[in-house]
Every structure is written in structure tokens, then in C-alpha cells.
Amino acid sequence: MADGEREGQPAAASDEDALLELLRRMERANFPFRVATPGLVAQVEALLRAGLVEGGIGCSPVDAGKIAVVRRISPLGRARLALTRDSARGALEW
């Protein structure tokens, strides 16, 4: 299996799944939501670019590495979460 792929799914689909999973984690978290792991910082950057969250990227005062801080999930992000819940609910009902 190639990097970034799951069985039967292209890398782009698994990337989107990872972003939605992080958004779901944020939904259950206290704000501000902070991450310093390079992979998670990159995911937060993608969510920021997509307008799904509000926050910023900066440098950690401890080690000068990148840190991402999310202040809140945007209305667009909340709508995306609701859409995925509705899609899952519909799939389970048929």
C-alpha cells in the first residue's frame, strides 16, 4: 500500500478523513486547542485554509518549533460536521 492510502481509498480521501477526524476531536475539546506535532500542525493549517476553523500558526516559545492554536470552529466547520453526521445517519437508516 502506498503512503497516505488506505485499502481501496486514494490518498486524497484519507487526507480528508484525517482532517474531519481532527475537526471532530476539536468539537469535543476545550478551546483554545493547541497542537505542536508537525503532522497535526499541517492538518490545522489545512483546516485554516479551508475556513473550517479560526486560529493561527506561530512559533513555540519553548523550542521555536511550529505551533497551531485554534480559537474556535467556524460556522462553516460546524456545518461540515453536521453534514457528516447527517450523511452517516442516513447511511445507517436505509
Protein backbone atom coordinates (compact mmCIF):
# COMPACT_ATOMS: atom_id res chain seq x y z
CA MET A 1 0.00 0.00 0.00
CA ALA A 2 1.38 3.43 -0.92
CA ASP A 3 1.99 6.12 1.67
CA GLY A 4 -1.16 8.08 2.53
CA GLU A 5 -3.54 5.42 1.21
CA ARG A 6 -5.91 3.07 2.90
CA GLU A 7 -7.28 -0.06 1.30
CA GLY A 8 -9.35 0.97 -1.70
CA GLN A 9 -9.14 4.71 -0.96
CA PRO A 10 -6.94 7.25 -2.70
CA ALA A 11 -4.61 9.40 -0.59
CA ALA A 12 -6.82 12.49 -1.00
CA ALA A 13 -9.81 10.70 0.56
CA SER A 14 -7.77 9.54 3.54
CA ASP A 15 -6.36 13.08 3.95
CA GLU A 16 -9.91 14.44 4.07
CA ASP A 17 -10.88 11.74 6.58
CA ALA A 18 -7.93 12.73 8.78
CA LEU A 19 -8.95 16.40 8.65
CA LEU A 20 -12.54 15.57 9.55
CA GLU A 21 -11.36 13.36 12.41
CA LEU A 22 -9.25 16.23 13.78
CA LEU A 23 -12.24 18.57 13.43
CA ARG A 24 -14.35 16.06 15.40
CA ARG A 25 -11.66 15.94 18.10
CA MET A 26 -11.76 19.72 18.31
CA GLU A 27 -15.54 19.64 18.64
CA ARG A 28 -15.13 17.70 21.90
CA ALA A 29 -12.12 19.71 23.16
CA ASN A 30 -11.70 22.87 25.19
CA PHE A 31 -10.54 25.97 23.36
CA PRO A 32 -8.03 27.24 22.61
CA PHE A 33 -6.98 23.94 21.01
CA ARG A 34 -3.18 23.72 20.65
CA VAL A 35 -1.01 21.27 18.73
CA ALA A 36 2.74 21.20 18.18
CA THR A 37 3.24 17.88 16.36
CA PRO A 38 4.32 18.72 12.77
CA GLY A 39 1.69 16.48 11.18
CA LEU A 40 -1.13 17.95 13.28
CA VAL A 41 0.12 21.50 12.66
CA ALA A 42 -0.08 20.78 8.91
CA GLN A 43 -3.63 19.48 9.32
CA VAL A 44 -4.66 22.58 11.28
CA GLU A 45 -3.10 24.72 8.53
CA ALA A 46 -5.31 22.91 6.00
CA LEU A 47 -8.40 23.46 8.16
CA LEU A 48 -7.50 27.16 8.48
CA ARG A 49 -7.08 27.49 4.69
CA ALA A 50 -10.45 25.79 4.16
CA GLY A 51 -12.12 28.21 6.57
CA LEU A 52 -13.31 25.42 8.85
CA VAL A 53 -11.53 26.78 11.95
CA GLU A 54 -10.28 30.13 13.21
CA GLY A 55 -6.86 30.50 14.77
CA GLY A 56 -3.26 30.82 13.75
CA ILE A 57 0.17 29.27 13.35
CA GLY A 58 3.16 30.55 15.28
CA CYS A 59 6.43 29.58 16.92
CA SER A 60 6.60 27.80 20.24
CA PRO A 61 8.40 29.87 22.90
CA VAL A 62 9.85 26.64 24.29
CA ASP A 63 11.65 25.15 21.30
CA ALA A 64 10.94 27.57 18.41
CA GLY A 65 9.01 24.85 16.57
CA LYS A 66 5.70 25.49 14.84
CA ILE A 67 2.57 25.50 16.95
CA ALA A 68 -1.05 25.77 15.84
CA VAL A 69 -3.72 27.37 18.00
CA VAL A 70 -7.40 27.07 17.11
CA ARG A 71 -9.68 29.59 18.83
CA ARG A 72 -12.91 28.07 17.55
CA ILE A 73 -14.59 26.00 14.86
CA SER A 74 -16.07 28.38 12.29
CA PRO A 75 -19.74 28.30 11.25
CA LEU A 76 -18.58 26.63 8.02
CA GLY A 77 -16.75 23.99 10.08
CA ARG A 78 -19.84 23.40 12.22
CA ALA A 79 -21.91 22.98 9.05
CA ARG A 80 -19.38 20.45 7.69
CA LEU A 81 -19.56 18.46 10.93
CA ALA A 82 -23.37 18.50 10.80
CA LEU A 83 -23.30 17.35 7.18
CA THR A 84 -21.08 14.37 8.02
CA ARG A 85 -23.35 13.43 10.93
CA ASP A 86 -26.43 13.66 8.69
CA SER A 87 -24.71 11.57 5.99
CA ALA A 88 -23.76 8.89 8.50
CA ARG A 89 -27.26 8.87 9.96
CA GLY A 90 -28.80 8.48 6.50
CA ALA A 91 -26.46 5.61 5.65
CA LEU A 92 -27.46 3.79 8.83
CA GLU A 93 -31.19 4.27 8.26
CA TRP A 94 -31.53 2.71 4.84
